[in-house]
Amino acid sequence: MSLDEPAVKDLYRPESSRGLGQDESRASDNGRVPEPAMDVVRHHARTMGAAPAELTTAWVKGI
């Protein structure tokens, strides 16, 4: 499953993402780090087969 544009709150470029601390819960694509809009993601939780409370940035990274 993929998330569309409204589900992304911000997208950090490689030079801006260095200070974010690349932890295991953050997705990264060629140094770009998307910041999910968790309120939008949780709004669509049922269509993704999950309860809203289950959804975290780590969950988003796994989809």
Protein backbone atom coordinates (compact mmCIF):
# COMPACT_ATOMS: atom_id res chain seq x y z
CA MET A 1 0.00 0.00 0.00
CA SER A 2 1.17 3.52 -0.64
CA LEU A 3 0.12 6.79 0.92
CA ASP A 4 -0.86 9.74 -1.23
CA GLU A 5 0.20 13.38 -0.96
CA PRO A 6 -2.18 14.49 1.87
CA ALA A 7 -0.61 11.81 4.11
CA VAL A 8 2.78 13.55 3.93
CA LYS A 9 3.10 16.54 6.24
CA ASP A 10 6.59 17.53 5.12
CA LEU A 11 9.49 16.19 3.08
CA TYR A 12 13.00 16.94 4.25
CA ARG A 13 15.78 17.16 1.68
CA PRO A 14 19.07 15.36 2.35
CA GLU A 15 20.79 18.50 3.61
CA SER A 16 17.84 19.27 5.92
CA SER A 17 17.30 15.73 7.19
CA ARG A 18 20.71 15.33 8.84
CA GLY A 19 19.53 16.97 12.07
CA LEU A 20 16.42 14.78 12.36
CA GLY A 21 18.29 11.86 13.84
CA GLN A 22 17.84 8.88 11.57
CA ASP A 23 16.13 6.54 13.99
CA GLU A 24 14.50 3.26 13.07
CA SER A 25 10.99 4.76 12.93
CA ARG A 26 11.75 7.17 10.08
CA ALA A 27 11.60 6.17 6.46
CA SER A 28 14.30 7.48 4.18
CA ASP A 29 14.58 7.50 0.41
CA ASN A 30 17.91 8.71 -1.01
CA GLY A 31 18.35 10.88 2.06
CA ARG A 32 14.87 12.41 1.81
CA VAL A 33 12.81 11.92 4.94
CA PRO A 34 9.01 12.17 4.69
CA GLU A 35 7.17 13.34 7.80
CA PRO A 36 3.79 11.61 7.82
CA ALA A 37 0.63 13.56 8.65
CA MET A 38 -0.45 11.08 11.30
CA ASP A 39 -3.92 12.61 11.68
CA VAL A 40 -4.59 11.89 7.99
CA VAL A 41 -3.05 8.41 8.22
CA ARG A 42 -5.12 7.55 11.30
CA HIS A 43 -8.29 8.85 9.61
CA HIS A 44 -7.83 6.14 6.97
CA ALA A 45 -6.71 3.42 9.38
CA ARG A 46 -9.72 1.14 8.84
CA THR A 47 -9.14 1.05 5.07
CA MET A 48 -5.62 -0.18 5.84
CA GLY A 49 -6.89 -2.90 8.19
CA ALA A 50 -5.67 -1.27 11.39
CA ALA A 51 -7.07 0.56 14.40
CA PRO A 52 -6.15 4.27 14.51
CA ALA A 53 -4.34 3.84 17.84
CA GLU A 54 -2.05 1.20 16.29
CA LEU A 55 -0.61 3.54 13.67
CA THR A 56 2.79 5.05 14.37
CA THR A 57 5.56 6.44 12.19
CA ALA A 58 7.23 3.02 12.42
CA TRP A 59 4.02 1.41 11.08
CA VAL A 60 3.94 3.90 8.20
CA LYS A 61 7.55 3.05 7.37
CA GLY A 62 6.60 -0.60 7.04
CA ILE A 63 3.90 -0.14 4.42
